[in-house]
Amino acid sequence: MELCLSVLLMLGSPYSILAEFGIFILLVGFSWSVWRARQIGSAVKCNCFGNLVNEKLGPSTIAKIVFILVFDLYLLMNNHLSRDITDFPLSEICSMVYSSVSLFLIYSVLMFVNIKRPARKA
C-alpha cells in the first residue's frame, strides 16, 4: 500500500492529494496500533524496515510517528506547492534517490552498531 501511495505522490496532481490523504490514513492507523500496544504493555518488535534492523516499539517509534505526521500535515495543508517528478531534471532525481538510499544505509549501520554494542559494567 505504501509503495502504491508513493508512486501516486510522485505522479503529481491530481493524484498527489489522494496519495497524501492515503498516507495520512495509514499513519493514523499505525498511530492507533502503537497507542493500543503501549496501553496493554505489549513488547512488540517493530521491524519497520523488515528484518534488516531489529527495532522494538518504544519512544523512538513515537518520535518517528510525530516527525512523519508533521511533514504529512504540511503536505496536506500546502498541496498547491506539490510538483510531480517530471518537473525535476534527471540529475536532481538521481541526487534524491542517492540521498534517500544513503540515509537509509546510515540509519541501518547506526542501528546495527547500537544492537551489537556490549552492555557496560557498572
PDB file of N, CA and C in Angstrom:
ATOM      1  N   MET A   1       0.815  -1.182   0.000  1.00  0.00           N
ATOM      2  CA  MET A   1       0.000   0.000   0.000  1.00  0.00           C
ATOM      3  C   MET A   1       0.872   1.265   0.000  1.00  0.00           C
ATOM      4  N   GLU A   2       1.934   1.246   0.834  1.00  0.00           N
ATOM      5  CA  GLU A   2       2.805   2.416   0.903  1.00  0.00           C
ATOM      6  C   GLU A   2       3.487   2.675  -0.443  1.00  0.00           C
ATOM      7  N   LEU A   3       3.865   1.605  -1.117  1.00  0.00           N
ATOM      8  CA  LEU A   3       4.531   1.749  -2.409  1.00  0.00           C
ATOM      9  C   LEU A   3       3.588   2.368  -3.432  1.00  0.00           C
ATOM     10  N   CYS A   4       2.354   1.919  -3.457  1.00  0.00           N
ATOM     11  CA  CYS A   4       1.367   2.487  -4.388  1.00  0.00           C
ATOM     12  C   CYS A   4       1.144   3.968  -4.106  1.00  0.00           C
ATOM     13  N   LEU A   5       1.046   4.322  -2.824  1.00  0.00           N
ATOM     14  CA  LEU A   5       0.840   5.721  -2.467  1.00  0.00           C
ATOM     15  C   LEU A   5       2.047   6.579  -2.815  1.00  0.00           C
ATOM     16  N   SER A   6       3.249   6.030  -2.667  1.00  0.00           N
ATOM     17  CA  SER A   6       4.439   6.814  -3.015  1.00  0.00           C
ATOM     18  C   SER A   6       4.526   7.034  -4.513  1.00  0.00           C
ATOM     19  N   VAL A   7       4.111   6.057  -5.312  1.00  0.00           N
ATOM     20  CA  VAL A   7       4.095   6.242  -6.769  1.00  0.00           C
ATOM     21  C   VAL A   7       3.070   7.301  -7.139  1.00  0.00           C
ATOM     22  N   LEU A   8       1.884   7.264  -6.520  1.00  0.00           N
ATOM     23  CA  LEU A   8       0.871   8.297  -6.772  1.00  0.00           C
ATOM     24  C   LEU A   8       1.387   9.675  -6.372  1.00  0.00           C
ATOM     25  N   LEU A   9       2.133   9.740  -5.288  1.00  0.00           N
ATOM     26  CA  LEU A   9       2.676  11.013  -4.826  1.00  0.00           C
ATOM     27  C   LEU A   9       3.669  11.587  -5.836  1.00  0.00           C
ATOM     28  N   MET A  10       4.458  10.716  -6.442  1.00  0.00           N
ATOM     29  CA  MET A  10       5.441  11.190  -7.434  1.00  0.00           C
ATOM     30  C   MET A  10       4.793  11.609  -8.746  1.00  0.00           C
ATOM     31  N   LEU A  11       3.617  11.072  -9.055  1.00  0.00           N
ATOM     32  CA  LEU A  11       2.947  11.419 -10.308  1.00  0.00           C
ATOM     33  C   LEU A  11       2.414  12.845 -10.302  1.00  0.00           C
ATOM     34  N   GLY A  12       2.242  13.409  -9.145  1.00  0.00           N
ATOM     35  CA  GLY A  12       1.801  14.800  -9.054  1.00  0.00           C
ATOM     36  C   GLY A  12       0.292  14.933  -9.105  1.00  0.00           C
ATOM     37  N   SER A  13      -0.169  16.188  -9.322  1.00  0.00           N
ATOM     38  CA  SER A  13      -1.606  16.434  -9.331  1.00  0.00           C
ATOM     39  C   SER A  13      -2.229  15.692 -10.503  1.00  0.00           C
ATOM     40  N   PRO A  14      -3.363  15.216 -10.439  1.00  0.00           N
ATOM     41  CA  PRO A  14      -4.458  15.164  -9.475  1.00  0.00           C
ATOM     42  C   PRO A  14      -4.321  14.030  -8.462  1.00  0.00           C
ATOM     43  N   TYR A  15      -3.253  13.230  -8.587  1.00  0.00           N
ATOM     44  CA  TYR A  15      -3.108  12.062  -7.726  1.00  0.00           C
ATOM     45  C   TYR A  15      -2.458  12.384  -6.383  1.00  0.00           C
ATOM     46  N   SER A  16      -1.751  13.488  -6.297  1.00  0.00           N
ATOM     47  CA  SER A  16      -0.981  13.765  -5.086  1.00  0.00           C
ATOM     48  C   SER A  16      -1.859  13.962  -3.858  1.00  0.00           C
ATOM     49  N   ILE A  17      -2.998  14.634  -3.991  1.00  0.00           N
ATOM     50  CA  ILE A  17      -3.857  14.846  -2.826  1.00  0.00           C
ATOM     51  C   ILE A  17      -4.436  13.521  -2.352  1.00  0.00           C
ATOM     52  N   LEU A  18      -4.740  12.623  -3.282  1.00  0.00           N
ATOM     53  CA  LEU A  18      -5.228  11.295  -2.918  1.00  0.00           C
ATOM     54  C   LEU A  18      -4.146  10.515  -2.167  1.00  0.00           C
ATOM     55  N   ALA A  19      -2.911  10.597  -2.673  1.00  0.00           N
ATOM     56  CA  ALA A  19      -1.794   9.904  -2.020  1.00  0.00           C
ATOM     57  C   ALA A  19      -1.514  10.491  -0.643  1.00  0.00           C
ATOM     58  N   GLU A  20      -1.531  11.813  -0.522  1.00  0.00           N
ATOM     59  CA  GLU A  20      -1.276  12.454   0.765  1.00  0.00           C
ATOM     60  C   GLU A  20      -2.338  12.072   1.791  1.00  0.00           C
ATOM     61  N   PHE A  21      -3.587  12.035   1.370  1.00  0.00           N
ATOM     62  CA  PHE A  21      -4.663  11.631   2.277  1.00  0.00           C
ATOM     63  C   PHE A  21      -4.524  10.159   2.657  1.00  0.00           C
ATOM     64  N   GLY A  22      -4.157   9.313   1.700  1.00  0.00           N
ATOM     65  CA  GLY A  22      -3.940   7.889   1.981  1.00  0.00           C
ATOM     66  C   GLY A  22      -2.810   7.676   2.968  1.00  0.00           C
ATOM     67  N   ILE A  23      -1.725   8.425   2.815  1.00  0.00           N
ATOM     68  CA  ILE A  23      -0.597   8.340   3.747  1.00  0.00           C
ATOM     69  C   ILE A  23      -1.045   8.772   5.142  1.00  0.00           C
ATOM     70  N   PHE A  24      -1.852   9.823   5.202  1.00  0.00           N
ATOM     71  CA  PHE A  24      -2.359  10.288   6.488  1.00  0.00           C
ATOM     72  C   PHE A  24      -3.215   9.215   7.162  1.00  0.00           C
ATOM     73  N   ILE A  25      -4.090   8.550   6.399  1.00  0.00           N
ATOM     74  CA  ILE A  25      -4.940   7.486   6.951  1.00  0.00           C
ATOM     75  C   ILE A  25      -4.077   6.332   7.455  1.00  0.00           C
ATOM     76  N   LEU A  26      -3.063   5.929   6.689  1.00  0.00           N
ATOM     77  CA  LEU A  26      -2.168   4.857   7.139  1.00  0.00           C
ATOM     78  C   LEU A  26      -1.434   5.250   8.418  1.00  0.00           C
ATOM     79  N   LEU A  27      -0.999   6.491   8.487  1.00  0.00           N
ATOM     80  CA  LEU A  27      -0.287   6.967   9.667  1.00  0.00           C
ATOM     81  C   LEU A  27      -1.191   7.002  10.898  1.00  0.00           C
ATOM     82  N   VAL A  28      -2.435   7.396  10.719  1.00  0.00           N
ATOM     83  CA  VAL A  28      -3.389   7.393  11.841  1.00  0.00           C
ATOM     84  C   VAL A  28      -3.631   5.959  12.308  1.00  0.00           C
ATOM     85  N   GLY A  29      -3.781   5.036  11.369  1.00  0.00           N
ATOM     86  CA  GLY A  29      -3.969   3.630  11.740  1.00  0.00           C
ATOM     87  C   GLY A  29      -2.769   3.066  12.482  1.00  0.00           C
ATOM     88  N   PHE A  30      -1.565   3.394  12.009  1.00  0.00           N
ATOM     89  CA  PHE A  30      -0.352   2.938  12.674  1.00  0.00           C
ATOM     90  C   PHE A  30      -0.224   3.572  14.059  1.00  0.00           C
ATOM     91  N   SER A  31      -0.565   4.851  14.172  1.00  0.00           N
ATOM     92  CA  SER A  31      -0.512   5.539  15.466  1.00  0.00           C
ATOM     93  C   SER A  31      -1.458   4.887  16.467  1.00  0.00           C
ATOM     94  N   TRP A  32      -2.655   4.543  16.007  1.00  0.00           N
ATOM     95  CA  TRP A  32      -3.612   3.886  16.889  1.00  0.00           C
ATOM     96  C   TRP A  32      -3.068   2.533  17.336  1.00  0.00           C
ATOM     97  N   SER A  33      -2.453   1.791  16.429  1.00  0.00           N
ATOM     98  CA  SER A  33      -1.884   0.483  16.786  1.00  0.00           C
ATOM     99  C   SER A  33      -0.774   0.634  17.828  1.00  0.00           C
ATOM    100  N   VAL A  34       0.083   1.636  17.650  1.00  0.00           N
ATOM    101  CA  VAL A  34       1.158   1.886  18.609  1.00  0.00           C
ATOM    102  C   VAL A  34       0.574   2.281  19.958  1.00  0.00           C
ATOM    103  N   TRP A  35      -0.405   3.166  19.950  1.00  0.00           N
ATOM    104  CA  TRP A  35      -1.039   3.593  21.195  1.00  0.00           C
ATOM    105  C   TRP A  35      -1.665   2.402  21.912  1.00  0.00           C
ATOM    106  N   ARG A  36      -2.358   1.546  21.156  1.00  0.00           N
ATOM    107  CA  ARG A  36      -3.018   0.373  21.746  1.00  0.00           C
ATOM    108  C   ARG A  36      -1.983  -0.600  22.324  1.00  0.00           C
ATOM    109  N   ALA A  37      -0.897  -0.819  21.603  1.00  0.00           N
ATOM    110  CA  ALA A  37       0.153  -1.723  22.097  1.00  0.00           C
ATOM    111  C   ALA A  37       0.792  -1.173  23.366  1.00  0.00           C
ATOM    112  N   ARG A  38       0.982   0.137  23.430  1.00  0.00           N
ATOM    113  CA  ARG A  38       1.558   0.750  24.631  1.00  0.00           C
ATOM    114  C   ARG A  38       0.582   0.669  25.813  1.00  0.00           C
ATOM    115  N   GLN A  39      -0.725   0.778  25.539  1.00  0.00           N
ATOM    116  CA  GLN A  39      -1.730   0.711  26.592  1.00  0.00           C
ATOM    117  C   GLN A  39      -1.780  -0.665  27.242  1.00  0.00           C
ATOM    118  N   ILE A  40      -1.661  -1.718  26.443  1.00  0.00           N
ATOM    119  CA  ILE A  40      -1.736  -3.064  27.008  1.00  0.00           C
ATOM    120  C   ILE A  40      -0.368  -3.582  27.424  1.00  0.00           C
ATOM    121  N   GLY A  41       0.670  -2.806  27.169  1.00  0.00           N
ATOM    122  CA  GLY A  41       2.013  -3.157  27.627  1.00  0.00           C
ATOM    123  C   GLY A  41       2.684  -4.248  26.802  1.00  0.00           C
ATOM    124  N   SER A  42       2.359  -4.349  25.539  1.00  0.00           N
ATOM    125  CA  SER A  42       2.970  -5.369  24.682  1.00  0.00           C
ATOM    126  C   SER A  42       4.408  -5.016  24.351  1.00  0.00           C
ATOM    127  N   ALA A  43       5.246  -6.019  24.301  1.00  0.00           N
ATOM    128  CA  ALA A  43       6.626  -5.849  23.847  1.00  0.00           C
ATOM    129  C   ALA A  43       6.644  -6.228  22.367  1.00  0.00           C
ATOM    130  N   VAL A  44       6.376  -5.264  21.514  1.00  0.00           N
ATOM    131  CA  VAL A  44       6.243  -5.501  20.085  1.00  0.00           C
ATOM    132  C   VAL A  44       7.570  -5.227  19.385  1.00  0.00           C
ATOM    133  N   LYS A  45       7.966  -6.148  18.533  1.00  0.00           N
ATOM    134  CA  LYS A  45       9.150  -5.957  17.706  1.00  0.00           C
ATOM    135  C   LYS A  45       8.698  -5.250  16.434  1.00  0.00           C
ATOM    136  N   CYS A  46       9.146  -4.029  16.239  1.00  0.00           N
ATOM    137  CA  CYS A  46       8.629  -3.191  15.154  1.00  0.00           C
ATOM    138  C   CYS A  46       9.078  -3.675  13.779  1.00  0.00           C
ATOM    139  N   ASN A  47      10.382  -3.793  13.580  1.00  0.00           N
ATOM    140  CA  ASN A  47      10.942  -4.185  12.275  1.00  0.00           C
ATOM    141  C   ASN A  47      10.322  -3.389  11.131  1.00  0.00           C
ATOM    142  N   CYS A  48      10.322  -2.088  11.271  1.00  0.00           N
ATOM    143  CA  CYS A  48       9.719  -1.234  10.256  1.00  0.00           C
ATOM    144  C   CYS A  48      10.411  -1.356   8.903  1.00  0.00           C
ATOM    145  N   PHE A  49      11.677  -1.736   8.882  1.00  0.00           N
ATOM    146  CA  PHE A  49      12.409  -1.910   7.632  1.00  0.00           C
ATOM    147  C   PHE A  49      12.665  -3.383   7.361  1.00  0.00           C
ATOM    148  N   GLY A  50      11.753  -4.234   7.780  1.00  0.00           N
ATOM    149  CA  GLY A  50      11.917  -5.666   7.581  1.00  0.00           C
ATOM    150  C   GLY A  50      12.875  -6.232   8.613  1.00  0.00           C
ATOM    151  N   ASN A  51      13.556  -7.302   8.277  1.00  0.00           N
ATOM    152  CA  ASN A  51      14.467  -7.957   9.212  1.00  0.00           C
ATOM    153  C   ASN A  51      15.852  -7.333   9.216  1.00  0.00           C
ATOM    154  N   LEU A  52      16.050  -6.277   8.434  1.00  0.00           N
ATOM    155  CA  LEU A  52      17.356  -5.634   8.363  1.00  0.00           C
ATOM    156  C   LEU A  52      17.745  -5.026   9.705  1.00  0.00           C
ATOM    157  N   VAL A  53      16.793  -4.392  10.360  1.00  0.00           N
ATOM    158  CA  VAL A  53      17.052  -3.727  11.630  1.00  0.00           C
ATOM    159  C   VAL A  53      16.047  -4.230  12.660  1.00  0.00           C
ATOM    160  N   ASN A  54      16.538  -4.791  13.746  1.00  0.00           N
ATOM    161  CA  ASN A  54      15.654  -5.211  14.834  1.00  0.00           C
ATOM    162  C   ASN A  54      15.350  -4.002  15.696  1.00  0.00           C
ATOM    163  N   GLU A  55      14.098  -3.637  15.745  1.00  0.00           N
ATOM    164  CA  GLU A  55      13.709  -2.448  16.483  1.00  0.00           C
ATOM    165  C   GLU A  55      12.455  -2.748  17.290  1.00  0.00           C
ATOM    166  N   LYS A  56      12.477  -2.368  18.554  1.00  0.00           N
ATOM    167  CA  LYS A  56      11.309  -2.575  19.410  1.00  0.00           C
ATOM    168  C   LYS A  56      10.479  -1.303  19.464  1.00  0.00           C
ATOM    169  N   LEU A  57       9.199  -1.502  19.677  1.00  0.00           N
ATOM    170  CA  LEU A  57       8.270  -0.401  19.805  1.00  0.00           C
ATOM    171  C   LEU A  57       8.587   0.377  21.079  1.00  0.00           C
ATOM    172  N   GLY A  58       8.814   1.665  20.943  1.00  0.00           N
ATOM    173  CA  GLY A  58       9.159   2.465  22.106  1.00  0.00           C
ATOM    174  C   GLY A  58       9.111   3.942  21.808  1.00  0.00           C
ATOM    175  N   PRO A  59       9.784   4.743  22.622  1.00  0.00           N
ATOM    176  CA  PRO A  59       9.774   6.193  22.438  1.00  0.00           C
ATOM    177  C   PRO A  59      10.316   6.638  21.074  1.00  0.00           C
ATOM    178  N   SER A  60      11.298   5.925  20.541  1.00  0.00           N
ATOM    179  CA  SER A  60      11.826   6.318  19.226  1.00  0.00           C
ATOM    180  C   SER A  60      10.777   6.111  18.130  1.00  0.00           C
ATOM    181  N   THR A  61       9.944   5.089  18.273  1.00  0.00           N
ATOM    182  CA  THR A  61       8.866   4.863  17.308  1.00  0.00           C
ATOM    183  C   THR A  61       7.857   5.998  17.373  1.00  0.00           C
ATOM    184  N   ILE A  62       7.514   6.418  18.573  1.00  0.00           N
ATOM    185  CA  ILE A  62       6.567   7.521  18.739  1.00  0.00           C
ATOM    186  C   ILE A  62       7.148   8.813  18.172  1.00  0.00           C
ATOM    187  N   ALA A  63       8.438   9.048  18.385  1.00  0.00           N
ATOM    188  CA  ALA A  63       9.085  10.246  17.841  1.00  0.00           C
ATOM    189  C   ALA A  63       9.050  10.225  16.311  1.00  0.00           C
ATOM    190  N   LYS A  64       9.282   9.066  15.724  1.00  0.00           N
ATOM    191  CA  LYS A  64       9.225   8.958  14.260  1.00  0.00           C
ATOM    192  C   LYS A  64       7.818   9.229  13.742  1.00  0.00           C
ATOM    193  N   ILE A  65       6.812   8.716  14.448  1.00  0.00           N
ATOM    194  CA  ILE A  65       5.429   8.949  14.030  1.00  0.00           C
ATOM    195  C   ILE A  65       5.106  10.439  14.065  1.00  0.00           C
ATOM    196  N   VAL A  66       5.499  11.118  15.132  1.00  0.00           N
ATOM    197  CA  VAL A  66       5.242  12.559  15.244  1.00  0.00           C
ATOM    198  C   VAL A  66       5.966  13.317  14.133  1.00  0.00           C
ATOM    199  N   PHE A  67       7.210  12.948  13.869  1.00  0.00           N
ATOM    200  CA  PHE A  67       8.009  13.583  12.815  1.00  0.00           C
ATOM    201  C   PHE A  67       7.324  13.426  11.460  1.00  0.00           C
ATOM    202  N   ILE A  68       6.895  12.221  11.149  1.00  0.00           N
ATOM    203  CA  ILE A  68       6.231  11.965   9.868  1.00  0.00           C
ATOM    204  C   ILE A  68       4.879  12.661   9.810  1.00  0.00           C
ATOM    205  N   LEU A  69       4.160  12.684  10.933  1.00  0.00           N
ATOM    206  CA  LEU A  69       2.855  13.339  10.975  1.00  0.00           C
ATOM    207  C   LEU A  69       2.971  14.830  10.687  1.00  0.00           C
ATOM    208  N   VAL A  70       3.984  15.485  11.236  1.00  0.00           N
ATOM    209  CA  VAL A  70       4.181  16.920  10.990  1.00  0.00           C
ATOM    210  C   VAL A  70       4.403  17.177   9.501  1.00  0.00           C
ATOM    211  N   PHE A  71       5.251  16.379   8.868  1.00  0.00           N
ATOM    212  CA  PHE A  71       5.508  16.577   7.445  1.00  0.00           C
ATOM    213  C   PHE A  71       4.307  16.196   6.585  1.00  0.00           C
ATOM    214  N   ASP A  72       3.539  15.194   6.988  1.00  0.00           N
ATOM    215  CA  ASP A  72       2.346  14.828   6.239  1.00  0.00           C
ATOM    216  C   ASP A  72       1.295  15.926   6.319  1.00  0.00           C
ATOM    217  N   LEU A  73       1.121  16.488   7.508  1.00  0.00           N
ATOM    218  CA  LEU A  73       0.180  17.605   7.641  1.00  0.00           C
ATOM    219  C   LEU A  73       0.632  18.812   6.818  1.00  0.00           C
ATOM    220  N   TYR A  74       1.938  19.050   6.757  1.00  0.00           N
ATOM    221  CA  TYR A  74       2.458  20.128   5.927  1.00  0.00           C
ATOM    222  C   TYR A  74       2.103  19.891   4.457  1.00  0.00           C
ATOM    223  N   LEU A  75       2.267  18.651   4.000  1.00  0.00           N
ATOM    224  CA  LEU A  75       1.912  18.328   2.618  1.00  0.00           C
ATOM    225  C   LEU A  75       0.423  18.529   2.355  1.00  0.00           C
ATOM    226  N   LEU A  76      -0.410  18.105   3.297  1.00  0.00           N
ATOM    227  CA  LEU A  76      -1.855  18.261   3.115  1.00  0.00           C
ATOM    228  C   LEU A  76      -2.267  19.728   3.097  1.00  0.00           C
ATOM    229  N   MET A  77      -1.647  20.542   3.939  1.00  0.00           N
ATOM    230  CA  MET A  77      -2.014  21.954   4.018  1.00  0.00           C
ATOM    231  C   MET A  77      -1.485  22.765   2.825  1.00  0.00           C
ATOM    232  N   ASN A  78      -0.385  22.327   2.259  1.00  0.00           N
ATOM    233  CA  ASN A  78       0.256  23.081   1.172  1.00  0.00           C
ATOM    234  C   ASN A  78       0.259  22.285  -0.130  1.00  0.00           C
ATOM    235  N   ASN A  79      -0.877  21.740  -0.475  1.00  0.00           N
ATOM    236  CA  ASN A  79      -0.962  20.917  -1.676  1.00  0.00           C
ATOM    237  C   ASN A  79      -0.635  21.717  -2.937  1.00  0.00           C
ATOM    238  N   HIS A  80      -0.853  23.013  -2.922  1.00  0.00           N
ATOM    239  CA  HIS A  80      -0.556  23.831  -4.093  1.00  0.00           C
ATOM    240  C   HIS A  80       0.949  23.898  -4.388  1.00  0.00           C
ATOM    241  N   LEU A  81       1.786  23.504  -3.428  1.00  0.00           N
ATOM    242  CA  LEU A  81       3.236  23.507  -3.640  1.00  0.00           C
ATOM    243  C   LEU A  81       3.733  22.213  -4.279  1.00  0.00           C
ATOM    244  N   SER A  82       2.858  21.209  -4.399  1.00  0.00           N
ATOM    245  CA  SER A  82       3.270  19.903  -4.915  1.00  0.00           C
ATOM    246  C   SER A  82       3.683  19.994  -6.376  1.00  0.00           C
ATOM    247  N   ARG A  83       4.730  19.266  -6.693  1.00  0.00           N
ATOM    248  CA  ARG A  83       5.205  19.150  -8.069  1.00  0.00           C
ATOM    249  C   ARG A  83       5.385  17.678  -8.362  1.00  0.00           C
ATOM    250  N   ASP A  84       5.255  17.306  -9.619  1.00  0.00           N
ATOM    251  CA  ASP A  84       5.474  15.904  -9.926  1.00  0.00           C
ATOM    252  C   ASP A  84       6.926  15.678 -10.318  1.00  0.00           C
ATOM    253  N   ILE A  85       7.280  14.439 -10.441  1.00  0.00           N
ATOM    254  CA  ILE A  85       8.686  14.068 -10.637  1.00  0.00           C
ATOM    255  C   ILE A  85       9.225  14.545 -11.984  1.00  0.00           C
ATOM    256  N   THR A  86       8.340  14.755 -12.953  1.00  0.00           N
ATOM    257  CA  THR A  86       8.802  15.195 -14.275  1.00  0.00           C
ATOM    258  C   THR A  86       9.219  16.661 -14.288  1.00  0.00           C
ATOM    259  N   ASP A  87       8.928  17.399 -13.218  1.00  0.00           N
ATOM    260  CA  ASP A  87       9.354  18.798 -13.130  1.00  0.00           C
ATOM    261  C   ASP A  87      10.841  18.938 -12.797  1.00  0.00           C
ATOM    262  N   PHE A  88      11.464  17.860 -12.354  1.00  0.00           N
ATOM    263  CA  PHE A  88      12.851  17.901 -11.919  1.00  0.00           C
ATOM    264  C   PHE A  88      13.769  17.351 -13.009  1.00  0.00           C
ATOM    265  N   PRO A  89      14.966  17.918 -13.137  1.00  0.00           N
ATOM    266  CA  PRO A  89      15.937  17.338 -14.075  1.00  0.00           C
ATOM    267  C   PRO A  89      16.433  15.983 -13.564  1.00  0.00           C
ATOM    268  N   LEU A  90      16.921  15.155 -14.474  1.00  0.00           N
ATOM    269  CA  LEU A  90      17.367  13.808 -14.133  1.00  0.00           C
ATOM    270  C   LEU A  90      18.461  13.830 -13.067  1.00  0.00           C
ATOM    271  N   SER A  91      19.351  14.820 -13.125  1.00  0.00           N
ATOM    272  CA  SER A  91      20.423  14.891 -12.129  1.00  0.00           C
ATOM    273  C   SER A  91      19.867  15.078 -10.717  1.00  0.00           C
ATOM    274  N   GLU A  92      18.799  15.877 -10.583  1.00  0.00           N
ATOM    275  CA  GLU A  92      18.189  16.071  -9.265  1.00  0.00           C
ATOM    276  C   GLU A  92      17.483  14.810  -8.788  1.00  0.00           C
ATOM    277  N   ILE A  93      16.838  14.105  -9.703  1.00  0.00           N
ATOM    278  CA  ILE A  93      16.169  12.854  -9.341  1.00  0.00           C
ATOM    279  C   ILE A  93      17.201  11.846  -8.848  1.00  0.00           C
ATOM    280  N   CYS A  94      18.324  11.742  -9.554  1.00  0.00           N
ATOM    281  CA  CYS A  94      19.395  10.829  -9.123  1.00  0.00           C
ATOM    282  C   CYS A  94      19.939  11.236  -7.755  1.00  0.00           C
ATOM    283  N   SER A  95      20.082  12.531  -7.523  1.00  0.00           N
ATOM    284  CA  SER A  95      20.555  13.012  -6.220  1.00  0.00           C
ATOM    285  C   SER A  95      19.576  12.661  -5.111  1.00  0.00           C
ATOM    286  N   MET A  96      18.282  12.785  -5.385  1.00  0.00           N
ATOM    287  CA  MET A  96      17.270  12.442  -4.386  1.00  0.00           C
ATOM    288  C   MET A  96      17.314  10.952  -4.051  1.00  0.00           C
ATOM    289  N   VAL A  97      17.437  10.121  -5.066  1.00  0.00           N
ATOM    290  CA  VAL A  97      17.500   8.676  -4.842  1.00  0.00           C
ATOM    291  C   VAL A  97      18.761   8.325  -4.062  1.00  0.00           C
ATOM    292  N   TYR A  98      19.890   8.904  -4.461  1.00  0.00           N
ATOM    293  CA  TYR A  98      21.154   8.656  -3.777  1.00  0.00           C
ATOM    294  C   TYR A  98      21.072   9.090  -2.308  1.00  0.00           C
ATOM    295  N   SER A  99      20.479  10.253  -2.054  1.00  0.00           N
ATOM    296  CA  SER A  99      20.348  10.745  -0.672  1.00  0.00           C
ATOM    297  C   SER A  99      19.454   9.835   0.157  1.00  0.00           C
ATOM    298  N   SER A 100      18.361   9.389  -0.427  1.00  0.00           N
ATOM    299  CA  SER A 100      17.441   8.507   0.305  1.00  0.00           C
ATOM    300  C   SER A 100      18.106   7.188   0.661  1.00  0.00           C
ATOM    301  N   VAL A 101      18.790   6.595  -0.292  1.00  0.00           N
ATOM    302  CA  VAL A 101      19.472   5.322  -0.041  1.00  0.00           C
ATOM    303  C   VAL A 101      20.582   5.521   0.986  1.00  0.00           C
ATOM    304  N   SER A 102      21.312   6.622   0.891  1.00  0.00           N
ATOM    305  CA  SER A 102      22.389   6.904   1.847  1.00  0.00           C
ATOM    306  C   SER A 102      21.855   7.057   3.265  1.00  0.00           C
ATOM    307  N   LEU A 103      20.759   7.809   3.427  1.00  0.00           N
ATOM    308  CA  LEU A 103      20.169   7.980   4.758  1.00  0.00           C
ATOM    309  C   LEU A 103      19.693   6.650   5.327  1.00  0.00           C
ATOM    310  N   PHE A 104      19.109   5.816   4.487  1.00  0.00           N
ATOM    311  CA  PHE A 104      18.659   4.501   4.940  1.00  0.00           C
ATOM    312  C   PHE A 104      19.845   3.649   5.383  1.00  0.00           C
ATOM    313  N   LEU A 105      20.936   3.680   4.623  1.00  0.00           N
ATOM    314  CA  LEU A 105      22.118   2.892   4.986  1.00  0.00           C
ATOM    315  C   LEU A 105      22.764   3.410   6.271  1.00  0.00           C
ATOM    316  N   ILE A 106      22.833   4.718   6.426  1.00  0.00           N
ATOM    317  CA  ILE A 106      23.384   5.291   7.655  1.00  0.00           C
ATOM    318  C   ILE A 106      22.536   4.875   8.853  1.00  0.00           C
ATOM    319  N   TYR A 107      21.236   4.957   8.711  1.00  0.00           N
ATOM    320  CA  TYR A 107      20.330   4.538   9.786  1.00  0.00           C
ATOM    321  C   TYR A 107      20.547   3.065  10.126  1.00  0.00           C
ATOM    322  N   SER A 108      20.661   2.228   9.114  1.00  0.00           N
ATOM    323  CA  SER A 108      20.853   0.795   9.338  1.00  0.00           C
ATOM    324  C   SER A 108      22.170   0.508  10.047  1.00  0.00           C
ATOM    325  N   VAL A 109      23.236   1.179   9.629  1.00  0.00           N
ATOM    326  CA  VAL A 109      24.538   0.969  10.261  1.00  0.00           C
ATOM    327  C   VAL A 109      24.501   1.426  11.722  1.00  0.00           C
ATOM    328  N   LEU A 110      23.899   2.572  11.985  1.00  0.00           N
ATOM    329  CA  LEU A 110      23.811   3.063  13.359  1.00  0.00           C
ATOM    330  C   LEU A 110      22.990   2.125  14.237  1.00  0.00           C
ATOM    331  N   MET A 111      21.917   1.597  13.714  1.00  0.00           N
ATOM    332  CA  MET A 111      21.111   0.653  14.480  1.00  0.00           C
ATOM    333  C   MET A 111      21.883  -0.645  14.710  1.00  0.00           C
ATOM    334  N   PHE A 112      22.641  -1.093  13.714  1.00  0.00           N
ATOM    335  CA  PHE A 112      23.426  -2.319  13.841  1.00  0.00           C
ATOM    336  C   PHE A 112      24.503  -2.145  14.908  1.00  0.00           C
ATOM    337  N   VAL A 113      25.188  -1.010  14.900  1.00  0.00           N
ATOM    338  CA  VAL A 113      26.229  -0.737  15.889  1.00  0.00           C
ATOM    339  C   VAL A 113      25.613  -0.666  17.280  1.00  0.00           C
ATOM    340  N   ASN A 114      24.449  -0.050  17.398  1.00  0.00           N
ATOM    341  CA  ASN A 114      23.774   0.075  18.684  1.00  0.00           C
ATOM    342  C   ASN A 114      23.349  -1.293  19.213  1.00  0.00           C
ATOM    343  N   ILE A 115      22.927  -2.202  18.354  1.00  0.00           N
ATOM    344  CA  ILE A 115      22.494  -3.535  18.779  1.00  0.00           C
ATOM    345  C   ILE A 115      23.694  -4.369  19.194  1.00  0.00           C
ATOM    346  N   LYS A 116      24.805  -4.282  18.469  1.00  0.00           N
ATOM    347  CA  LYS A 116      25.970  -5.113  18.717  1.00  0.00           C
ATOM    348  C   LYS A 116      26.863  -4.614  19.847  1.00  0.00           C
ATOM    349  N   ARG A 117      26.611  -3.397  20.334  1.00  0.00           N
ATOM    350  CA  ARG A 117      27.450  -2.813  21.392  1.00  0.00           C
ATOM    351  C   ARG A 117      27.225  -3.589  22.698  1.00  0.00           C
ATOM    352  N   PRO A 118      28.295  -4.060  23.322  1.00  0.00           N
ATOM    353  CA  PRO A 118      28.117  -4.800  24.594  1.00  0.00           C
ATOM    354  C   PRO A 118      27.686  -3.841  25.710  1.00  0.00           C
ATOM    355  N   ALA A 119      26.955  -4.402  26.659  1.00  0.00           N
ATOM    356  CA  ALA A 119      26.485  -3.607  27.799  1.00  0.00           C
ATOM    357  C   ALA A 119      27.675  -3.270  28.703  1.00  0.00           C
ATOM    358  N   ARG A 120      27.683  -2.062  29.237  1.00  0.00           N
ATOM    359  CA  ARG A 120      28.754  -1.623  30.132  1.00  0.00           C
ATOM    360  C   ARG A 120      28.525  -2.171  31.528  1.00  0.00           C
ATOM    361  N   LYS A 121      29.630  -2.502  32.202  1.00  0.00           N
ATOM    362  CA  LYS A 121      29.522  -2.964  33.578  1.00  0.00           C
ATOM    363  C   LYS A 121      29.568  -1.766  34.513  1.00  0.00           C
ATOM    364  N   ALA A 122      28.758  -1.821  35.538  1.00  0.00           N
ATOM    365  CA  ALA A 122      28.687  -0.716  36.484  1.00  0.00           C
ATOM    366  C   ALA A 122      29.794  -0.757  37.501  1.00  0.00           C
TER     367      ALA A 122
END
